[in-house]
PDB file of all heavy atoms in Angstrom:
ATOM      1  N   GLN A   1     -21.264  -1.220 -20.423  1.00  0.00           N
ATOM      2  CA  GLN A   1     -19.844  -1.325 -20.686  1.00  0.00           C
ATOM      3  C   GLN A   1     -19.010  -0.204 -20.129  1.00  0.00           C
ATOM      4  O   GLN A   1     -17.990  -0.393 -19.604  1.00  0.00           O
ATOM      5  CB  GLN A   1     -19.647  -1.500 -22.269  1.00  0.00           C
ATOM      6  CG  GLN A   1     -18.228  -1.733 -22.569  1.00  0.00           C
ATOM      7  CD  GLN A   1     -18.026  -1.956 -24.142  1.00  0.00           C
ATOM      8  OE1 GLN A   1     -19.015  -1.752 -24.889  1.00  0.00           O
ATOM      9  NE2 GLN A   1     -16.828  -2.275 -24.602  1.00  0.00           N
ATOM     10  N   GLN A   2     -19.671   1.005 -20.323  1.00  0.00           N
ATOM     11  CA  GLN A   2     -18.948   2.158 -19.741  1.00  0.00           C
ATOM     12  C   GLN A   2     -18.913   2.144 -18.220  1.00  0.00           C
ATOM     13  O   GLN A   2     -17.855   2.461 -17.613  1.00  0.00           O
ATOM     14  CB  GLN A   2     -19.756   3.433 -20.146  1.00  0.00           C
ATOM     15  CG  GLN A   2     -19.054   4.734 -19.692  1.00  0.00           C
ATOM     16  CD  GLN A   2     -19.798   6.009 -20.268  1.00  0.00           C
ATOM     17  OE1 GLN A   2     -20.862   5.799 -20.967  1.00  0.00           O
ATOM     18  NE2 GLN A   2     -19.376   7.130 -19.978  1.00  0.00           N
ATOM     19  N   GLN A   3     -20.049   1.579 -17.619  1.00  0.00           N
ATOM     20  CA  GLN A   3     -19.978   1.488 -16.135  1.00  0.00           C
ATOM     21  C   GLN A   3     -19.042   0.450 -15.781  1.00  0.00           C
ATOM     22  O   GLN A   3     -18.334   0.675 -14.670  1.00  0.00           O
ATOM     23  CB  GLN A   3     -21.431   1.143 -15.663  1.00  0.00           C
ATOM     24  CG  GLN A   3     -22.475   2.249 -15.804  1.00  0.00           C
ATOM     25  CD  GLN A   3     -23.845   1.728 -15.487  1.00  0.00           C
ATOM     26  OE1 GLN A   3     -24.048   0.569 -15.082  1.00  0.00           O
ATOM     27  NE2 GLN A   3     -24.792   2.612 -15.468  1.00  0.00           N
ATOM     28  N   GLN A   4     -18.924  -0.631 -16.475  1.00  0.00           N
ATOM     29  CA  GLN A   4     -17.916  -1.597 -16.101  1.00  0.00           C
ATOM     30  C   GLN A   4     -16.509  -1.080 -16.273  1.00  0.00           C
ATOM     31  O   GLN A   4     -15.682  -1.370 -15.430  1.00  0.00           O
ATOM     32  CB  GLN A   4     -18.135  -2.896 -17.035  1.00  0.00           C
ATOM     33  CG  GLN A   4     -19.438  -3.664 -16.749  1.00  0.00           C
ATOM     34  CD  GLN A   4     -19.616  -4.750 -17.686  1.00  0.00           C
ATOM     35  OE1 GLN A   4     -18.879  -4.982 -18.596  1.00  0.00           O
ATOM     36  NE2 GLN A   4     -20.700  -5.609 -17.442  1.00  0.00           N
ATOM     37  N   GLN A   5     -16.322  -0.330 -17.307  1.00  0.00           N
ATOM     38  CA  GLN A   5     -15.010   0.263 -17.500  1.00  0.00           C
ATOM     39  C   GLN A   5     -14.708   1.208 -16.283  1.00  0.00           C
ATOM     40  O   GLN A   5     -13.555   1.230 -15.798  1.00  0.00           O
ATOM     41  CB  GLN A   5     -14.900   1.047 -18.863  1.00  0.00           C
ATOM     42  CG  GLN A   5     -14.883   0.102 -19.963  1.00  0.00           C
ATOM     43  CD  GLN A   5     -15.033   0.824 -21.329  1.00  0.00           C
ATOM     44  OE1 GLN A   5     -15.123   2.031 -21.323  1.00  0.00           O
ATOM     45  NE2 GLN A   5     -14.835   0.036 -22.387  1.00  0.00           N
ATOM     46  N   GLU A   6     -15.711   2.054 -15.967  1.00  0.00           N
ATOM     47  CA  GLU A   6     -15.450   2.985 -14.827  1.00  0.00           C
ATOM     48  C   GLU A   6     -15.210   2.232 -13.467  1.00  0.00           C
ATOM     49  O   GLU A   6     -14.335   2.602 -12.757  1.00  0.00           O
ATOM     50  CB  GLU A   6     -16.703   3.919 -14.767  1.00  0.00           C
ATOM     51  CG  GLU A   6     -16.839   4.896 -15.870  1.00  0.00           C
ATOM     52  CD  GLU A   6     -18.157   5.693 -15.787  1.00  0.00           C
ATOM     53  OE1 GLU A   6     -18.882   5.387 -14.871  1.00  0.00           O
ATOM     54  OE2 GLU A   6     -18.283   6.615 -16.587  1.00  0.00           O
ATOM     55  N   LEU A   7     -15.996   1.127 -13.398  1.00  0.00           N
ATOM     56  CA  LEU A   7     -15.791   0.333 -12.176  1.00  0.00           C
ATOM     57  C   LEU A   7     -14.433  -0.308 -12.086  1.00  0.00           C
ATOM     58  O   LEU A   7     -13.777  -0.357 -11.116  1.00  0.00           O
ATOM     59  CB  LEU A   7     -16.853  -0.743 -12.101  1.00  0.00           C
ATOM     60  CG  LEU A   7     -16.920  -1.621 -10.923  1.00  0.00           C
ATOM     61  CD1 LEU A   7     -16.995  -0.769  -9.632  1.00  0.00           C
ATOM     62  CD2 LEU A   7     -17.982  -2.671 -10.957  1.00  0.00           C
ATOM     63  N   SER A   8     -14.032  -0.760 -13.345  1.00  0.00           N
ATOM     64  CA  SER A   8     -12.693  -1.372 -13.330  1.00  0.00           C
ATOM     65  C   SER A   8     -11.523  -0.440 -13.019  1.00  0.00           C
ATOM     66  O   SER A   8     -10.616  -0.716 -12.324  1.00  0.00           O
ATOM     67  CB  SER A   8     -12.507  -2.027 -14.706  1.00  0.00           C
ATOM     68  OG  SER A   8     -13.388  -3.010 -15.008  1.00  0.00           O
ATOM     69  N   ALA A   9     -11.748   0.816 -13.529  1.00  0.00           N
ATOM     70  CA  ALA A   9     -10.775   1.761 -13.222  1.00  0.00           C
ATOM     71  C   ALA A   9     -10.660   2.149 -11.704  1.00  0.00           C
ATOM     72  O   ALA A   9      -9.708   2.296 -11.135  1.00  0.00           O
ATOM     73  CB  ALA A   9     -11.067   3.058 -14.105  1.00  0.00           C
ATOM     74  N   GLN A  10     -11.878   2.256 -11.230  1.00  0.00           N
ATOM     75  CA  GLN A  10     -12.025   2.576  -9.690  1.00  0.00           C
ATOM     76  C   GLN A  10     -11.441   1.395  -8.907  1.00  0.00           C
ATOM     77  O   GLN A  10     -10.678   1.664  -7.883  1.00  0.00           O
ATOM     78  CB  GLN A  10     -13.579   2.857  -9.388  1.00  0.00           C
ATOM     79  CG  GLN A  10     -13.756   3.183  -7.949  1.00  0.00           C
ATOM     80  CD  GLN A  10     -15.193   3.432  -7.624  1.00  0.00           C
ATOM     81  OE1 GLN A  10     -16.042   3.250  -8.485  1.00  0.00           O
ATOM     82  NE2 GLN A  10     -15.543   3.878  -6.454  1.00  0.00           N
ATOM     83  N   GLN A  11     -11.738   0.204  -9.316  1.00  0.00           N
ATOM     84  CA  GLN A  11     -11.246  -0.940  -8.634  1.00  0.00           C
ATOM     85  C   GLN A  11      -9.656  -0.913  -8.686  1.00  0.00           C
ATOM     86  O   GLN A  11      -8.957  -1.302  -7.698  1.00  0.00           O
ATOM     87  CB  GLN A  11     -11.787  -2.208  -9.145  1.00  0.00           C
ATOM     88  CG  GLN A  11     -13.319  -2.416  -8.865  1.00  0.00           C
ATOM     89  CD  GLN A  11     -13.868  -3.654  -9.527  1.00  0.00           C
ATOM     90  OE1 GLN A  11     -13.310  -4.210 -10.423  1.00  0.00           O
ATOM     91  NE2 GLN A  11     -15.008  -4.096  -8.927  1.00  0.00           N
ATOM     92  N   ALA A  12      -9.187  -0.659  -9.897  1.00  0.00           N
ATOM     93  CA  ALA A  12      -7.706  -0.608 -10.145  1.00  0.00           C
ATOM     94  C   ALA A  12      -7.104   0.491  -9.140  1.00  0.00           C
ATOM     95  O   ALA A  12      -6.112   0.258  -8.510  1.00  0.00           O
ATOM     96  CB  ALA A  12      -7.417  -0.375 -11.591  1.00  0.00           C
ATOM     97  N   GLN A  13      -7.812   1.575  -9.138  1.00  0.00           N
ATOM     98  CA  GLN A  13      -7.240   2.706  -8.226  1.00  0.00           C
ATOM     99  C   GLN A  13      -7.250   2.271  -6.776  1.00  0.00           C
ATOM    100  O   GLN A  13      -6.349   2.501  -6.059  1.00  0.00           O
ATOM    101  CB  GLN A  13      -8.072   3.974  -8.477  1.00  0.00           C
ATOM    102  CG  GLN A  13      -7.637   5.146  -7.649  1.00  0.00           C
ATOM    103  CD  GLN A  13      -6.284   5.608  -8.202  1.00  0.00           C
ATOM    104  OE1 GLN A  13      -5.884   5.373  -9.338  1.00  0.00           O
ATOM    105  NE2 GLN A  13      -5.446   6.175  -7.269  1.00  0.00           N
ATOM    106  N   GLN A  14      -8.402   1.578  -6.378  1.00  0.00           N
ATOM    107  CA  GLN A  14      -8.415   1.156  -5.018  1.00  0.00           C
ATOM    108  C   GLN A  14      -7.387   0.080  -4.684  1.00  0.00           C
ATOM    109  O   GLN A  14      -6.700   0.098  -3.657  1.00  0.00           O
ATOM    110  CB  GLN A  14      -9.839   0.566  -4.757  1.00  0.00           C
ATOM    111  CG  GLN A  14     -10.999   1.610  -4.723  1.00  0.00           C
ATOM    112  CD  GLN A  14     -12.325   1.061  -4.532  1.00  0.00           C
ATOM    113  OE1 GLN A  14     -12.542  -0.110  -4.640  1.00  0.00           O
ATOM    114  NE2 GLN A  14     -13.333   1.930  -4.360  1.00  0.00           N
ATOM    115  N   LEU A  15      -7.192  -0.787  -5.630  1.00  0.00           N
ATOM    116  CA  LEU A  15      -6.247  -1.841  -5.469  1.00  0.00           C
ATOM    117  C   LEU A  15      -4.754  -1.243  -5.388  1.00  0.00           C
ATOM    118  O   LEU A  15      -3.997  -1.649  -4.571  1.00  0.00           O
ATOM    119  CB  LEU A  15      -6.244  -2.810  -6.661  1.00  0.00           C
ATOM    120  CG  LEU A  15      -5.279  -3.942  -6.581  1.00  0.00           C
ATOM    121  CD1 LEU A  15      -5.387  -4.742  -5.393  1.00  0.00           C
ATOM    122  CD2 LEU A  15      -5.396  -4.790  -7.844  1.00  0.00           C
ATOM    123  N   LEU A  16      -4.559  -0.204  -6.302  1.00  0.00           N
ATOM    124  CA  LEU A  16      -3.327   0.457  -6.179  1.00  0.00           C
ATOM    125  C   LEU A  16      -3.081   1.181  -4.914  1.00  0.00           C
ATOM    126  O   LEU A  16      -1.996   1.127  -4.323  1.00  0.00           O
ATOM    127  CB  LEU A  16      -3.205   1.535  -7.351  1.00  0.00           C
ATOM    128  CG  LEU A  16      -1.895   2.304  -7.460  1.00  0.00           C
ATOM    129  CD1 LEU A  16      -0.668   1.438  -7.552  1.00  0.00           C
ATOM    130  CD2 LEU A  16      -1.959   3.239  -8.581  1.00  0.00           C
ATOM    131  N   GLN A  17      -4.105   1.807  -4.375  1.00  0.00           N
ATOM    132  CA  GLN A  17      -3.999   2.413  -3.118  1.00  0.00           C
ATOM    133  C   GLN A  17      -3.804   1.521  -2.014  1.00  0.00           C
ATOM    134  O   GLN A  17      -2.977   1.740  -1.087  1.00  0.00           O
ATOM    135  CB  GLN A  17      -5.325   3.246  -2.772  1.00  0.00           C
ATOM    136  CG  GLN A  17      -5.449   4.534  -3.673  1.00  0.00           C
ATOM    137  CD  GLN A  17      -6.728   5.287  -3.469  1.00  0.00           C
ATOM    138  OE1 GLN A  17      -7.574   4.821  -2.683  1.00  0.00           O
ATOM    139  NE2 GLN A  17      -6.908   6.400  -4.116  1.00  0.00           N
ATOM    140  N   ALA A  18      -4.448   0.314  -2.017  1.00  0.00           N
ATOM    141  CA  ALA A  18      -4.286  -0.741  -1.024  1.00  0.00           C
ATOM    142  C   ALA A  18      -2.765  -1.247  -1.088  1.00  0.00           C
ATOM    143  O   ALA A  18      -2.258  -1.431   0.019  1.00  0.00           O
ATOM    144  CB  ALA A  18      -5.232  -1.845  -1.317  1.00  0.00           C
ATOM    145  N   ILE A  19      -2.336  -1.378  -2.285  1.00  0.00           N
ATOM    146  CA  ILE A  19      -0.874  -1.889  -2.402  1.00  0.00           C
ATOM    147  C   ILE A  19       0.011  -0.876  -1.788  1.00  0.00           C
ATOM    148  O   ILE A  19       1.028  -1.211  -1.038  1.00  0.00           O
ATOM    149  CB  ILE A  19      -0.533  -2.156  -3.858  1.00  0.00           C
ATOM    150  CG1 ILE A  19      -1.421  -3.447  -4.390  1.00  0.00           C
ATOM    151  CG2 ILE A  19       0.892  -2.503  -4.073  1.00  0.00           C
ATOM    152  CD1 ILE A  19      -1.266  -3.755  -5.791  1.00  0.00           C
ATOM    153  N   GLN A  20      -0.196   0.376  -2.181  1.00  0.00           N
ATOM    154  CA  GLN A  20       0.666   1.462  -1.653  1.00  0.00           C
ATOM    155  C   GLN A  20       0.599   1.587  -0.181  1.00  0.00           C
ATOM    156  O   GLN A  20       1.609   1.698   0.507  1.00  0.00           O
ATOM    157  CB  GLN A  20       0.252   2.784  -2.264  1.00  0.00           C
ATOM    158  CG  GLN A  20       0.575   2.916  -3.804  1.00  0.00           C
ATOM    159  CD  GLN A  20       0.217   4.149  -4.461  1.00  0.00           C
ATOM    160  OE1 GLN A  20      -0.720   4.808  -3.828  1.00  0.00           O
ATOM    161  NE2 GLN A  20       0.577   4.425  -5.561  1.00  0.00           N
ATOM    162  N   GLU A  21      -0.608   1.419   0.316  1.00  0.00           N
ATOM    163  CA  GLU A  21      -0.773   1.482   1.755  1.00  0.00           C
ATOM    164  C   GLU A  21      -0.036   0.193   2.446  1.00  0.00           C
ATOM    165  O   GLU A  21       0.618   0.318   3.505  1.00  0.00           O
ATOM    166  CB  GLU A  21      -2.213   1.458   2.150  1.00  0.00           C
ATOM    167  CG  GLU A  21      -2.610   1.482   3.692  1.00  0.00           C
ATOM    168  CD  GLU A  21      -2.136   2.807   4.240  1.00  0.00           C
ATOM    169  OE1 GLU A  21      -2.058   3.874   3.434  1.00  0.00           O
ATOM    170  OE2 GLU A  21      -1.902   2.914   5.479  1.00  0.00           O
ATOM    171  N   LYS A  22      -0.198  -0.930   1.874  1.00  0.00           N
ATOM    172  CA  LYS A  22       0.500  -2.117   2.327  1.00  0.00           C
ATOM    173  C   LYS A  22       2.056  -1.904   2.350  1.00  0.00           C
ATOM    174  O   LYS A  22       2.679  -2.248   3.343  1.00  0.00           O
ATOM    175  CB  LYS A  22       0.134  -3.281   1.535  1.00  0.00           C
ATOM    176  CG  LYS A  22       0.593  -4.610   2.043  1.00  0.00           C
ATOM    177  CD  LYS A  22       0.000  -4.992   3.422  1.00  0.00           C
ATOM    178  CE  LYS A  22       0.470  -6.319   3.861  1.00  0.00           C
ATOM    179  NZ  LYS A  22      -0.125  -6.723   5.107  1.00  0.00           N
ATOM    180  N   GLU A  23       2.448  -1.348   1.213  1.00  0.00           N
ATOM    181  CA  GLU A  23       3.904  -1.111   1.105  1.00  0.00           C
ATOM    182  C   GLU A  23       4.278  -0.099   2.188  1.00  0.00           C
ATOM    183  O   GLU A  23       5.396  -0.256   2.756  1.00  0.00           O
ATOM    184  CB  GLU A  23       4.208  -0.561  -0.311  1.00  0.00           C
ATOM    185  CG  GLU A  23       4.131  -1.650  -1.382  1.00  0.00           C
ATOM    186  CD  GLU A  23       4.462  -1.088  -2.710  1.00  0.00           C
ATOM    187  OE1 GLU A  23       4.526   0.175  -2.811  1.00  0.00           O
ATOM    188  OE2 GLU A  23       4.533  -1.842  -3.737  1.00  0.00           O
ATOM    189  N   LYS A  24       3.547   0.969   2.360  1.00  0.00           N
ATOM    190  CA  LYS A  24       3.862   1.932   3.459  1.00  0.00           C
ATOM    191  C   LYS A  24       3.944   1.303   4.845  1.00  0.00           C
ATOM    192  O   LYS A  24       4.887   1.515   5.572  1.00  0.00           O
ATOM    193  CB  LYS A  24       2.807   3.049   3.412  1.00  0.00           C
ATOM    194  CG  LYS A  24       3.072   4.131   4.363  1.00  0.00           C
ATOM    195  CD  LYS A  24       1.989   5.195   4.318  1.00  0.00           C
ATOM    196  CE  LYS A  24       2.207   6.266   5.314  1.00  0.00           C
ATOM    197  NZ  LYS A  24       1.163   7.399   5.195  1.00  0.00           N
ATOM    198  N   GLN A  25       2.913   0.490   5.103  1.00  0.00           N
ATOM    199  CA  GLN A  25       2.919  -0.249   6.387  1.00  0.00           C
ATOM    200  C   GLN A  25       4.146  -1.123   6.523  1.00  0.00           C
ATOM    201  O   GLN A  25       4.871  -1.209   7.587  1.00  0.00           O
ATOM    202  CB  GLN A  25       1.744  -1.054   6.559  1.00  0.00           C
ATOM    203  CG  GLN A  25       0.398  -0.163   6.743  1.00  0.00           C
ATOM    204  CD  GLN A  25      -0.815  -1.028   6.771  1.00  0.00           C
ATOM    205  OE1 GLN A  25      -0.719  -2.264   6.687  1.00  0.00           O
ATOM    206  NE2 GLN A  25      -1.974  -0.311   6.994  1.00  0.00           N
ATOM    207  N   THR A  26       4.504  -1.828   5.421  1.00  0.00           N
ATOM    208  CA  THR A  26       5.742  -2.742   5.441  1.00  0.00           C
ATOM    209  C   THR A  26       6.875  -1.904   5.631  1.00  0.00           C
ATOM    210  O   THR A  26       7.800  -2.310   6.457  1.00  0.00           O
ATOM    211  CB  THR A  26       5.769  -3.504   4.135  1.00  0.00           C
ATOM    212  OG1 THR A  26       4.512  -4.273   3.993  1.00  0.00           O
ATOM    213  CG2 THR A  26       6.880  -4.489   4.127  1.00  0.00           C
ATOM    214  N   GLN A  27       7.060  -0.752   4.963  1.00  0.00           N
ATOM    215  CA  GLN A  27       8.202   0.071   5.059  1.00  0.00           C
ATOM    216  C   GLN A  27       8.297   0.595   6.494  1.00  0.00           C
ATOM    217  O   GLN A  27       9.417   0.754   7.099  1.00  0.00           O
ATOM    218  CB  GLN A  27       8.139   1.227   4.132  1.00  0.00           C
ATOM    219  CG  GLN A  27       9.403   2.001   4.034  1.00  0.00           C
ATOM    220  CD  GLN A  27      10.590   1.264   3.624  1.00  0.00           C
ATOM    221  OE1 GLN A  27      10.500   0.494   2.670  1.00  0.00           O
ATOM    222  NE2 GLN A  27      11.745   1.483   4.172  1.00  0.00           N
ATOM    223  N   GLU A  28       7.149   0.931   7.078  1.00  0.00           N
ATOM    224  CA  GLU A  28       7.208   1.475   8.536  1.00  0.00           C
ATOM    225  C   GLU A  28       7.671   0.412   9.503  1.00  0.00           C
ATOM    226  O   GLU A  28       8.448   0.777  10.313  1.00  0.00           O
ATOM    227  CB  GLU A  28       5.809   1.929   8.896  1.00  0.00           C
ATOM    228  CG  GLU A  28       5.434   3.253   8.108  1.00  0.00           C
ATOM    229  CD  GLU A  28       3.972   3.716   8.509  1.00  0.00           C
ATOM    230  OE1 GLU A  28       3.315   2.860   9.154  1.00  0.00           O
ATOM    231  OE2 GLU A  28       3.579   4.834   8.118  1.00  0.00           O
ATOM    232  N   LYS A  29       7.243  -0.810   9.214  1.00  0.00           N
ATOM    233  CA  LYS A  29       7.732  -1.915  10.116  1.00  0.00           C
ATOM    234  C   LYS A  29       9.171  -2.117   9.899  1.00  0.00           C
ATOM    235  O   LYS A  29      10.023  -2.328  10.902  1.00  0.00           O
ATOM    236  CB  LYS A  29       6.997  -3.156   9.708  1.00  0.00           C
ATOM    237  CG  LYS A  29       5.536  -3.153  10.276  1.00  0.00           C
ATOM    238  CD  LYS A  29       4.814  -4.417   9.916  1.00  0.00           C
ATOM    239  CE  LYS A  29       3.351  -4.478  10.335  1.00  0.00           C
ATOM    240  NZ  LYS A  29       2.664  -5.625  10.044  1.00  0.00           N
ATOM    241  N   VAL A  30       9.637  -2.056   8.692  1.00  0.00           N
ATOM    242  CA  VAL A  30      11.107  -2.172   8.503  1.00  0.00           C
ATOM    243  C   VAL A  30      11.857  -1.189   9.094  1.00  0.00           C
ATOM    244  O   VAL A  30      12.944  -1.316   9.842  1.00  0.00           O
ATOM    245  CB  VAL A  30      11.386  -2.248   6.951  1.00  0.00           C
ATOM    246  CG1 VAL A  30      12.927  -2.161   6.690  1.00  0.00           C
ATOM    247  CG2 VAL A  30      10.830  -3.520   6.331  1.00  0.00           C
ATOM    248  N   ASP A  31      11.356   0.145   9.027  1.00  0.00           N
ATOM    249  CA  ASP A  31      12.095   1.265   9.643  1.00  0.00           C
ATOM    250  C   ASP A  31      12.055   1.046  11.160  1.00  0.00           C
ATOM    251  O   ASP A  31      13.037   1.411  11.785  1.00  0.00           O
ATOM    252  CB  ASP A  31      11.306   2.550   9.249  1.00  0.00           C
ATOM    253  CG  ASP A  31      11.491   2.821   7.779  1.00  0.00           C
ATOM    254  OD1 ASP A  31      12.458   2.303   7.210  1.00  0.00           O
ATOM    255  OD2 ASP A  31      10.808   3.639   7.221  1.00  0.00           O
ATOM    256  N   GLU A  32      10.948   0.617  11.756  1.00  0.00           N
ATOM    257  CA  GLU A  32      10.856   0.347  13.161  1.00  0.00           C
ATOM    258  C   GLU A  32      11.861  -0.626  13.661  1.00  0.00           C
ATOM    259  O   GLU A  32      12.614  -0.469  14.681  1.00  0.00           O
ATOM    260  CB  GLU A  32       9.491  -0.052  13.569  1.00  0.00           C
ATOM    261  CG  GLU A  32       8.444   1.089  13.479  1.00  0.00           C
ATOM    262  CD  GLU A  32       7.148   0.584  13.791  1.00  0.00           C
ATOM    263  OE1 GLU A  32       6.902  -0.565  14.135  1.00  0.00           O
ATOM    264  OE2 GLU A  32       6.149   1.446  13.815  1.00  0.00           O
ATOM    265  N   LYS A  33      11.982  -1.713  12.830  1.00  0.00           N
ATOM    266  CA  LYS A  33      12.992  -2.770  13.159  1.00  0.00           C
ATOM    267  C   LYS A  33      14.409  -2.243  13.034  1.00  0.00           C
ATOM    268  O   LYS A  33      15.230  -2.555  13.948  1.00  0.00           O
ATOM    269  CB  LYS A  33      12.810  -3.944  12.248  1.00  0.00           C
ATOM    270  CG  LYS A  33      11.560  -4.738  12.497  1.00  0.00           C
ATOM    271  CD  LYS A  33      11.490  -5.946  11.556  1.00  0.00           C
ATOM    272  CE  LYS A  33      10.218  -6.702  11.824  1.00  0.00           C
ATOM    273  NZ  LYS A  33      10.129  -7.986  10.986  1.00  0.00           N
ATOM    274  N   LYS A  34      14.656  -1.433  12.003  1.00  0.00           N
ATOM    275  CA  LYS A  34      15.992  -0.864  11.917  1.00  0.00           C
ATOM    276  C   LYS A  34      16.273   0.057  13.071  1.00  0.00           C
ATOM    277  O   LYS A  34      17.438   0.031  13.694  1.00  0.00           O
ATOM    278  CB  LYS A  34      16.142  -0.044  10.629  1.00  0.00           C
ATOM    279  CG  LYS A  34      16.223  -0.978   9.383  1.00  0.00           C
ATOM    280  CD  LYS A  34      16.351  -0.103   8.128  1.00  0.00           C
ATOM    281  CE  LYS A  34      16.434  -0.978   6.899  1.00  0.00           C
ATOM    282  NZ  LYS A  34      16.640  -0.089   5.719  1.00  0.00           N
ATOM    283  N   ALA A  35      15.366   0.815  13.468  1.00  0.00           N
ATOM    284  CA  ALA A  35      15.554   1.759  14.647  1.00  0.00           C
ATOM    285  C   ALA A  35      15.767   0.983  15.887  1.00  0.00           C
ATOM    286  O   ALA A  35      16.661   1.378  16.699  1.00  0.00           O
ATOM    287  CB  ALA A  35      14.367   2.696  14.747  1.00  0.00           C
ATOM    288  N   ALA A  36      15.034  -0.087  16.104  1.00  0.00           N
ATOM    289  CA  ALA A  36      15.252  -0.868  17.381  1.00  0.00           C
ATOM    290  C   ALA A  36      16.602  -1.569  17.360  1.00  0.00           C
ATOM    291  O   ALA A  36      17.226  -1.656  18.463  1.00  0.00           O
ATOM    292  CB  ALA A  36      14.114  -1.984  17.359  1.00  0.00           C
ATOM    293  N   ALA A  37      16.961  -2.076  16.158  1.00  0.00           N
ATOM    294  CA  ALA A  37      18.308  -2.677  16.108  1.00  0.00           C
ATOM    295  C   ALA A  37      19.395  -1.681  16.395  1.00  0.00           C
ATOM    296  O   ALA A  37      20.385  -2.017  17.063  1.00  0.00           O
ATOM    297  CB  ALA A  37      18.472  -3.337  14.798  1.00  0.00           C
ATOM    298  N   LEU A  38      19.311  -0.572  15.798  1.00  0.00           N
ATOM    299  CA  LEU A  38      20.313   0.461  16.124  1.00  0.00           C
ATOM    300  C   LEU A  38      20.390   0.888  17.533  1.00  0.00           C
ATOM    301  O   LEU A  38      21.442   1.061  18.099  1.00  0.00           O
ATOM    302  CB  LEU A  38      19.965   1.734  15.192  1.00  0.00           C
ATOM    303  CG  LEU A  38      20.940   2.924  15.380  1.00  0.00           C
ATOM    304  CD1 LEU A  38      22.378   2.503  14.913  1.00  0.00           C
ATOM    305  CD2 LEU A  38      20.493   4.050  14.454  1.00  0.00           C
ATOM    306  N   LYS A  39      19.256   1.085  18.194  1.00  0.00           N
ATOM    307  CA  LYS A  39      19.223   1.342  19.646  1.00  0.00           C
ATOM    308  C   LYS A  39      19.759   0.269  20.432  1.00  0.00           C
ATOM    309  O   LYS A  39      20.524   0.638  21.429  1.00  0.00           O
ATOM    310  CB  LYS A  39      17.722   1.646  19.993  1.00  0.00           C
ATOM    311  CG  LYS A  39      17.556   2.170  21.427  1.00  0.00           C
ATOM    312  CD  LYS A  39      16.106   2.331  21.728  1.00  0.00           C
ATOM    313  CE  LYS A  39      15.971   2.904  23.116  1.00  0.00           C
ATOM    314  NZ  LYS A  39      14.552   3.214  23.454  1.00  0.00           N
ATOM    315  N   SER A  40      19.620  -0.994  20.110  1.00  0.00           N
ATOM    316  CA  SER A  40      20.117  -2.095  20.803  1.00  0.00           C
ATOM    317  C   SER A  40      21.714  -2.012  20.743  1.00  0.00           C
ATOM    318  O   SER A  40      22.380  -2.293  21.691  1.00  0.00           O
ATOM    319  CB  SER A  40      19.585  -3.382  20.285  1.00  0.00           C
ATOM    320  OG  SER A  40      20.189  -4.460  20.972  1.00  0.00           O
TER     321      SER A  40
END
């Protein structure tokens, strides 16, 4: 049970990091689009 709890916490942390990374990538794409539009 303790291992499962530790695994669940680790999985949650990894999932959070994956979401944050996805949000970062999305934000970077949005910023790139904004920069391209401004340049145009």
